[in-house]
């Protein structure tokens, strides 16, 4: 996925004035960082109402609009779970990361 361009953050006065993408000046991953994640967010798009709170709150900017739903760039997702916590319909669940450790 293409990473969005960073913009300077200025706190909006109204919700309609929030930017349409991440705008963090620090904490934004530029290299893949999924290796230490123990859980990952999984979106149940049938339950998604398109509020995009997850998109606005993701500290790494790995959630993208995909029509009326969202998509997650798992290569950069650190598994923090903020998206799942802010979802008003609980359409994002944190699931245990399944990795093959050579066993």
Protein backbone atom coordinates (compact mmCIF):
# COMPACT_ATOMS: atom_id res chain seq x y z
CA UNK A 1 0.00 0.00 0.00
CA UNK A 2 1.10 3.55 -0.51
CA UNK A 3 1.90 5.38 2.69
CA UNK A 4 0.08 8.71 3.04
CA UNK A 5 1.97 11.98 3.05
CA UNK A 6 2.49 13.48 6.51
CA UNK A 7 0.93 16.83 7.33
CA UNK A 8 1.37 19.18 10.27
CA UNK A 9 -1.32 18.63 12.90
CA UNK A 10 -3.55 21.55 13.84
CA UNK A 11 -6.43 20.65 16.18
CA UNK A 12 -9.70 21.26 14.30
CA UNK A 13 -12.55 23.17 15.92
CA UNK A 14 -15.25 20.87 14.46
CA UNK A 15 -15.31 17.15 13.59
CA UNK A 16 -15.95 17.96 9.91
CA UNK A 17 -12.62 19.82 9.84
CA UNK A 18 -10.51 16.78 10.76
CA UNK A 19 -7.99 15.74 8.09
CA UNK A 20 -8.67 12.78 5.82
CA UNK A 21 -5.54 10.91 6.85
CA UNK A 22 -2.87 10.57 9.48
CA UNK A 23 -1.02 13.74 10.40
CA UNK A 24 1.36 12.71 13.18
CA UNK A 25 4.82 14.24 13.45
CA UNK A 26 6.21 11.45 15.64
CA UNK A 27 5.56 7.75 16.15
CA UNK A 28 4.82 7.06 12.50
CA UNK A 29 6.46 3.85 11.27
CA UNK A 30 8.49 4.05 8.08
CA UNK A 31 9.80 0.47 8.17
CA UNK A 32 7.84 -2.75 8.50
CA UNK A 33 7.21 -3.55 12.15
CA UNK A 34 4.76 -6.42 12.39
CA UNK A 35 7.21 -9.03 13.72
CA UNK A 36 6.68 -8.43 17.44
CA UNK A 37 2.90 -8.09 17.27
CA UNK A 38 0.99 -10.66 19.37
CA UNK A 39 -2.48 -9.62 18.22
CA UNK A 40 -3.78 -8.04 15.05
CA UNK A 41 -6.99 -6.18 14.26
CA UNK A 42 -9.47 -7.93 11.98
CA UNK A 43 -12.31 -5.88 10.50
CA UNK A 44 -15.79 -7.38 10.14
CA UNK A 45 -16.88 -5.10 7.29
CA UNK A 46 -20.51 -6.22 7.59
CA UNK A 47 -20.63 -4.52 11.00
CA UNK A 48 -18.71 -1.42 9.92
CA UNK A 49 -20.86 1.73 9.72
CA UNK A 50 -18.21 3.79 7.93
CA UNK A 51 -17.58 6.28 10.76
CA UNK A 52 -13.81 5.89 10.16
CA UNK A 53 -12.92 6.54 13.82
CA UNK A 54 -10.38 3.72 13.47
CA UNK A 55 -8.86 5.49 10.48
CA UNK A 56 -8.61 8.79 12.35
CA UNK A 57 -7.19 7.28 15.56
CA UNK A 58 -4.59 4.84 14.19
CA UNK A 59 -1.24 6.12 15.51
CA UNK A 60 0.69 4.52 12.65
CA UNK A 61 -1.65 5.47 9.80
CA UNK A 62 -2.07 1.88 8.61
CA UNK A 63 -5.85 1.96 8.18
CA UNK A 64 -7.12 3.02 4.78
CA UNK A 65 -10.54 3.80 3.37
CA UNK A 66 -11.67 1.13 0.93
CA UNK A 67 -15.04 2.28 -0.37
CA UNK A 68 -17.39 2.31 2.61
CA UNK A 69 -15.14 -0.05 4.56
CA UNK A 70 -11.54 -0.04 5.77
CA UNK A 71 -8.40 -2.02 4.99
CA UNK A 72 -5.34 -2.51 7.21
CA UNK A 73 -1.69 -2.58 6.12
CA UNK A 74 -0.52 -5.42 8.37
CA UNK A 75 3.15 -4.94 7.39
CA UNK A 76 3.18 -1.72 9.44
CA UNK A 77 0.47 -2.46 12.05
CA UNK A 78 1.98 -2.83 15.53
CA UNK A 79 -1.16 -4.39 17.02
CA UNK A 80 -1.86 -1.68 19.61
CA UNK A 81 -5.65 -2.23 19.47
CA UNK A 82 -6.65 1.44 19.46
CA UNK A 83 -8.77 0.88 16.35
CA UNK A 84 -10.74 -1.89 18.08
CA UNK A 85 -11.28 0.22 21.20
CA UNK A 86 -12.64 3.26 19.33
CA UNK A 87 -14.98 1.31 17.03
CA UNK A 88 -18.52 2.17 18.21
CA UNK A 89 -19.97 -1.02 16.66
CA UNK A 90 -17.13 -3.33 17.78
CA UNK A 91 -16.59 -4.30 14.13
CA UNK A 92 -12.84 -4.63 14.75
CA UNK A 93 -11.67 -7.55 16.85
CA UNK A 94 -8.14 -8.16 18.08
CA UNK A 95 -7.18 -11.75 17.25
CA UNK A 96 -4.12 -13.70 18.31
CA UNK A 97 -1.32 -13.45 15.76
CA UNK A 98 -0.59 -16.86 14.29
CA UNK A 99 3.01 -17.29 13.23
CA UNK A 100 4.96 -20.37 12.31
CA UNK A 101 8.08 -20.36 14.47
CA UNK A 102 9.58 -23.42 12.80
CA UNK A 103 7.80 -25.88 15.07
